[in-house]
Each structure stands twice: as structure tokens, then as C-alpha cells.
Amino acid sequence: MSPRPPARPKPRATGPARPRPEGPARARPRTGGPERPPAPPEPPRIPLFLASKNPGKLRELAQMLADLPYAVEGADVLPSVPAPTEDGATFEANARKKAIHYSRHVDTLVIADDSGLEIDALDGAPGVRSARLAGPTASDTDRVRLIVRRLERVPWEKRTARFRCVLAVALNEHVLETFEGTVEGLISFEPRGAEGFGYDPIFYYPAAEMTFAEMTAVEKNRVSHRGQALERALGWLREYAVSHPPRAAR
């Protein structure tokens, strides 16, 4: 019996040798894992229409209602709807007129305010004409300068004044409720501060020893005429949100 031939050796691979990794081998990243869940949808909110194109008022109202389920929009969303003539003899009359006027054009709650500055040394002026003092094209700066000039010779103790505000809430041409707020102060000899709007730079609030324009929005909202009126309205708005909960978008 002839002997078996020896096994043929396996051919070796040609080319440079593959370098061996140093240290522990890295795990390959896994693919096809679970996707990140989508972000939850925004909770539904109740549309609330502010009958004003004043960005300062819109900003203040949105800040004060931040904890309630309302989405605030201003009158700039209705560019073709003219503003009503504010010819009422009182702040309440003008607030009611504005609220009813805009409630004809939207099917949501409308909140309107009329507010202004009453200066004792000027027999209560500018009062309901506060926003229209010095003419329709005058700026806030123009109106502030005019007041400062008119009170130039009035001593400090006789520069007493107050901000007054009336809020009216309407729906479908009916006023549902009104709320009022008033804050007492004095008119400073010159503008101070860069916050706020309107007559804030010359309205000195003695308890804080600052003008409204020197206070932060939070500080001002705690004591301002509009803040007081809205604070009185918050309870009503909370109850309305409970009895008329916002519907989720379909």
C-alpha cells in the first residue's frame, strides 16, 4: 500500500497585512433604533382679541395673561377694519364702544380698554383725549413734551395726577363685563426711563420712587391702572375659560 501524499499547504493571501487594532475593539453603532417620539402638540387656547393696535398694550396684556389659556391677538389682524371714533365722555363709554365695534368682526371674546392721564393742575386733562393730545400725527414723545411745557411753572406738590383705565369684555356685540383701575402719582419735571410707553416717562410713582418708565414690566403691572383693571378681570376670565374650554384643532 503506497503511502499518502502530504497535504497541500493553503495559499497565503498576498498584499500588506491588515493592522491589528490596539486596545479594546469599538462597538459598531446600531442602526435602525427607535425614533425619537414627536413633541406633544401645543395645548389649545381661547382666542382673545385686543381692540388696539398699540404694541405696548398688546405686550402688557399678553404678559399678564401668560398663565391662562388665551391666545391674544391685536387689531392689526383686521387691517381693513377702521378703528371707531372715540368720542365718549368717559373712559367706560369709549371702552364699551370699542369692544362692541370689534365684536362685529370677530366671533371671539373682545377685550377693549380706554385709559388716560388725568392731571389736577390741568383740570383733569388730557383725560379721555390722552391718546389724541397734540393731534393724530403726534408721537408719544411729542405728547410728553407738551405736558412738560404746560406744567413748567407748577410746583412739585401741585403736580398730582392719576392714570385711569376701564376694560370692557364683549362678545357678539354685547358687553359682558367692565373692570376699572386707578393709580395715583405726580408728573415729573422731565422724562425719565426707557421702559413702557405713552406718558410713562413722566408719571412718577411715589411708592417706588421711580417713573413708570424706570420700572420693569413686572413691577409696573403690579401697580398700574391697567394692571389693576386686568387683575380684577382675571377671575372672570378664569371662570370663562372653565365654562368655555378651548377646543383642540382638528
Protein backbone atom coordinates (compact mmCIF):
# COMPACT_ATOMS: atom_id res chain seq x y z
CA MET A 1 0.00 0.00 0.00
CA SER A 2 1.60 3.15 -1.15
CA PRO A 3 1.95 6.00 1.38
CA ARG A 4 -0.45 9.06 1.24
CA PRO A 5 0.96 12.17 -0.31
CA PRO A 6 1.40 15.06 2.13
CA ALA A 7 -1.45 17.67 2.31
CA ARG A 8 -1.02 20.61 0.00
CA PRO A 9 -0.45 23.78 2.02
CA LYS A 10 -3.16 26.52 1.71
CA PRO A 11 -2.10 29.52 -0.30
CA ARG A 12 -1.42 32.65 1.74
CA ALA A 13 -3.16 35.97 0.94
CA THR A 14 -0.95 38.43 -0.84
CA GLY A 15 -0.71 42.17 -0.15
CA PRO A 16 0.10 44.12 3.01
CA ALA A 17 -1.00 42.68 6.27
CA ARG A 18 -4.11 44.28 7.88
CA PRO A 19 -3.07 46.19 11.02
CA ARG A 20 -4.50 44.85 14.25
CA PRO A 21 -6.46 47.33 16.34
CA GLU A 22 -4.86 48.47 19.53
CA GLY A 23 -6.85 48.34 22.74
CA PRO A 24 -10.41 47.05 23.11
CA ALA A 25 -12.45 46.80 19.94
CA ARG A 26 -15.03 49.56 19.49
CA ALA A 27 -18.62 48.54 19.26
CA ARG A 28 -20.27 49.38 15.99
CA PRO A 29 -23.15 51.84 16.25
CA ARG A 30 -26.52 50.18 15.95
CA THR A 31 -28.73 51.33 13.14
CA GLY A 32 -32.47 51.27 12.81
CA GLY A 33 -33.16 52.03 16.50
CA PRO A 34 -36.41 53.54 17.76
CA GLU A 35 -37.12 57.08 16.54
CA ARG A 36 -37.47 59.96 18.98
CA PRO A 37 -41.17 60.48 19.75
CA PRO A 38 -42.71 63.65 18.26
CA ALA A 39 -43.12 66.66 20.51
CA PRO A 40 -46.55 66.87 22.14
CA PRO A 41 -48.93 69.33 20.45
CA GLU A 42 -49.41 72.78 21.92
CA PRO A 43 -52.39 72.88 24.28
CA PRO A 44 -55.43 74.60 22.73
CA ARG A 45 -56.03 78.23 23.65
CA ILE A 46 -59.05 80.53 23.59
CA PRO A 47 -58.69 83.37 21.06
CA LEU A 48 -58.86 86.75 22.76
CA PHE A 49 -58.99 89.84 20.57
CA LEU A 50 -57.47 93.03 21.96
CA ALA A 51 -59.15 96.05 20.41
CA SER A 52 -55.95 98.01 19.98
CA LYS A 53 -53.06 98.36 17.55
CA ASN A 54 -50.81 99.69 20.31
CA PRO A 55 -47.91 97.18 20.61
CA GLY A 56 -47.25 98.28 24.21
CA LYS A 57 -50.79 97.43 25.30
CA LEU A 58 -50.70 94.13 23.41
CA ARG A 59 -47.40 93.17 25.06
CA GLU A 60 -48.64 94.07 28.56
CA LEU A 61 -51.90 92.12 28.15
CA ALA A 62 -50.10 89.02 26.81
CA GLN A 63 -47.68 89.11 29.76
CA MET A 64 -50.49 89.39 32.30
CA LEU A 65 -52.45 86.52 30.72
CA ALA A 66 -49.44 84.22 30.31
CA ASP A 67 -50.78 81.71 32.90
CA LEU A 68 -54.26 81.50 31.36
CA PRO A 69 -55.26 79.52 28.23
CA TYR A 70 -55.72 82.56 25.99
CA ALA A 71 -54.08 83.48 22.70
CA VAL A 72 -54.03 87.26 22.40
CA GLU A 73 -54.28 88.98 19.01
CA GLY A 74 -54.32 92.70 18.26
CA ALA A 75 -56.40 94.79 15.88
CA ASP A 76 -53.60 94.69 13.30
CA VAL A 77 -55.01 91.30 12.19
CA LEU A 78 -58.00 93.27 10.83
CA PRO A 79 -56.22 95.89 8.71
CA SER A 80 -59.32 96.67 6.65
CA VAL A 81 -61.49 97.41 9.71
CA PRO A 82 -61.26 101.09 10.70
CA ALA A 83 -60.97 101.97 14.37
CA PRO A 84 -64.09 103.51 15.89
CA THR A 85 -64.23 107.20 16.75
CA GLU A 86 -63.52 107.53 20.47
CA ASP A 87 -65.93 110.36 21.19
CA GLY A 88 -67.28 109.14 24.53
CA ALA A 89 -67.31 111.47 27.52
CA THR A 90 -65.83 108.82 29.83
CA PHE A 91 -63.26 106.03 29.66
CA GLU A 92 -66.01 103.44 30.15
CA ALA A 93 -68.05 104.80 27.24
CA ASN A 94 -65.07 104.57 24.91
CA ALA A 95 -64.08 101.08 26.13
CA ARG A 96 -67.62 99.82 25.56
CA LYS A 97 -67.79 101.39 22.11
CA LYS A 98 -64.50 99.81 21.01
CA ALA A 99 -65.40 96.37 22.38
CA ILE A 100 -68.78 96.32 20.63
CA HIS A 101 -67.33 97.68 17.37
CA TYR A 102 -64.69 94.95 17.00
CA SER A 103 -67.03 92.18 18.22
CA ARG A 104 -68.97 92.73 14.98
CA HIS A 105 -65.95 91.49 13.03
CA VAL A 106 -64.67 88.55 15.13
CA ASP A 107 -66.50 85.63 16.70
CA THR A 108 -64.32 85.50 19.80
CA LEU A 109 -64.04 87.40 23.05
CA VAL A 110 -63.04 91.02 22.58
CA ILE A 111 -61.33 93.00 25.32
CA ALA A 112 -61.07 96.76 24.86
CA ASP A 113 -59.67 99.39 27.12
CA ASP A 114 -59.70 103.11 27.31
CA SER A 115 -57.19 104.71 29.58
CA GLY A 116 -55.54 108.03 30.10
CA LEU A 117 -53.83 110.53 32.30
CA GLU A 118 -55.73 112.98 34.49
CA ILE A 119 -53.68 115.95 35.76
CA ASP A 120 -55.22 118.02 38.53
CA ALA A 121 -53.35 121.23 37.61
CA LEU A 122 -54.88 120.94 34.10
CA ASP A 123 -58.41 120.36 35.40
CA GLY A 124 -58.24 116.65 34.62
CA ALA A 125 -56.76 117.00 31.14
CA PRO A 126 -55.79 115.31 28.94
CA GLY A 127 -58.25 112.67 30.24
CA VAL A 128 -60.16 110.83 27.52
CA ARG A 129 -58.10 112.74 24.94
CA SER A 130 -54.78 111.38 26.27
CA ALA A 131 -54.01 109.36 23.13
CA ARG A 132 -55.07 112.20 20.82
CA LEU A 133 -53.36 115.10 22.57
CA ALA A 134 -51.43 117.36 20.14
CA GLY A 135 -53.18 115.87 17.12
CA PRO A 136 -53.48 112.49 15.36
CA THR A 137 -49.92 112.53 14.00
CA ALA A 138 -48.22 113.37 17.32
CA SER A 139 -45.90 110.77 18.85
CA ASP A 140 -45.63 109.74 22.50
CA THR A 141 -42.56 111.97 22.74
CA ASP A 142 -44.50 114.94 21.35
CA ARG A 143 -47.28 114.49 23.90
CA VAL A 144 -44.85 114.11 26.80
CA ARG A 145 -43.03 117.31 25.82
CA LEU A 146 -46.32 119.20 25.59
CA ILE A 147 -47.33 118.16 29.12
CA VAL A 148 -43.91 119.12 30.49
CA ARG A 149 -44.21 122.57 28.90
CA ARG A 150 -47.73 123.14 30.24
CA LEU A 151 -46.62 122.30 33.79
CA GLU A 152 -43.34 124.20 33.62
CA ARG A 153 -44.28 126.68 36.40
CA VAL A 154 -46.30 124.27 38.54
CA PRO A 155 -44.60 123.33 41.86
CA TRP A 156 -43.99 119.70 42.80
CA GLU A 157 -46.75 119.43 45.39
CA LYS A 158 -49.37 120.57 42.85
CA ARG A 159 -48.33 118.16 40.08
CA THR A 160 -50.68 115.41 41.30
CA ALA A 161 -52.14 113.13 38.66
CA ARG A 162 -53.55 109.67 38.09
CA PHE A 163 -53.75 107.05 35.40
CA ARG A 164 -57.23 105.62 34.93
CA CYS A 165 -58.25 102.55 32.91
CA VAL A 166 -61.54 100.84 32.10
CA LEU A 167 -61.64 97.39 30.44
CA ALA A 168 -64.72 96.11 28.64
CA VAL A 169 -65.19 92.49 27.55
CA ALA A 170 -67.65 91.87 24.71
CA LEU A 171 -68.93 89.01 22.58
CA ASN A 172 -71.28 89.24 19.60
CA GLU A 173 -71.96 92.97 20.12
CA HIS A 174 -72.81 92.58 23.80
CA VAL A 175 -70.65 93.89 26.67
CA LEU A 176 -70.35 91.08 29.19
CA GLU A 177 -68.45 92.92 31.94
CA THR A 178 -66.34 96.00 32.72
CA PHE A 179 -63.41 96.49 35.11
CA GLU A 180 -61.66 99.65 36.33
CA GLY A 181 -58.26 100.52 37.79
CA THR A 182 -56.66 103.76 39.01
CA VAL A 183 -53.15 104.63 40.20
CA GLU A 184 -52.12 107.94 41.83
CA GLY A 185 -48.82 109.73 41.20
CA LEU A 186 -47.19 113.01 40.19
CA ILE A 187 -45.89 114.46 36.94
CA SER A 188 -42.09 114.69 36.93
CA PHE A 189 -40.27 117.80 35.70
CA GLU A 190 -38.62 115.85 32.87
CA PRO A 191 -38.89 112.38 31.26
CA ARG A 192 -37.02 109.57 33.00
CA GLY A 193 -36.57 105.95 31.97
CA ALA A 194 -36.79 104.00 28.72
CA GLU A 195 -39.37 101.31 29.50
CA GLY A 196 -43.15 101.37 28.99
CA PHE A 197 -44.89 103.70 26.55
CA GLY A 198 -47.15 106.73 26.39
CA TYR A 199 -46.84 109.04 29.40
CA ASP A 200 -44.86 106.52 31.47
CA PRO A 201 -41.61 108.59 31.38
CA ILE A 202 -43.24 111.50 33.28
CA PHE A 203 -45.58 109.58 35.61
CA TYR A 204 -43.77 109.39 38.95
CA TYR A 205 -44.99 106.66 41.32
CA PRO A 206 -44.07 107.75 44.88
CA ALA A 207 -44.16 104.29 46.49
CA ALA A 208 -41.39 103.09 44.15
CA GLU A 209 -39.64 106.49 43.87
CA MET A 210 -39.48 105.97 40.11
CA THR A 211 -41.39 106.86 36.99
CA PHE A 212 -43.32 104.07 35.29
CA ALA A 213 -40.70 104.14 32.52
CA GLU A 214 -37.97 103.31 35.07
CA MET A 215 -39.82 100.23 36.33
CA THR A 216 -39.67 96.75 34.82
CA ALA A 217 -42.81 95.42 33.15
CA VAL A 218 -43.43 93.11 36.14
CA GLU A 219 -43.06 95.95 38.65
CA LYS A 220 -45.34 98.24 36.67
CA ASN A 221 -48.02 95.61 36.04
CA ARG A 222 -48.36 95.02 39.79
CA VAL A 223 -49.47 98.60 40.45
CA SER A 224 -50.53 100.18 37.15
CA HIS A 225 -54.07 101.24 36.31
CA ARG A 226 -54.23 98.66 33.52
CA GLY A 227 -52.72 96.02 35.77
CA GLN A 228 -55.35 96.69 38.44
CA ALA A 229 -58.21 96.57 35.93
CA LEU A 230 -56.91 93.35 34.41
CA GLU A 231 -56.28 91.83 37.83
CA ARG A 232 -59.98 92.37 38.53
CA ALA A 233 -60.79 90.80 35.16
CA LEU A 234 -58.59 87.72 35.67
CA GLY A 235 -61.09 85.98 37.94
CA TRP A 236 -63.81 86.46 35.36
CA LEU A 237 -61.54 85.25 32.54
CA ARG A 238 -60.57 82.15 34.55
CA GLU A 239 -64.24 81.28 35.08
CA TYR A 240 -64.94 81.84 31.40
CA ALA A 241 -62.08 79.52 30.40
CA VAL A 242 -63.50 76.79 32.68
CA SER A 243 -67.07 77.13 31.36
CA HIS A 244 -65.91 77.57 27.73
CA PRO A 245 -62.82 75.30 27.47
CA PRO A 246 -60.71 75.73 24.33
CA ARG A 247 -61.18 73.09 21.64
CA ALA A 248 -58.21 71.28 20.16
CA ALA A 249 -57.62 71.97 16.49
CA ARG A 250 -58.79 69.15 14.19
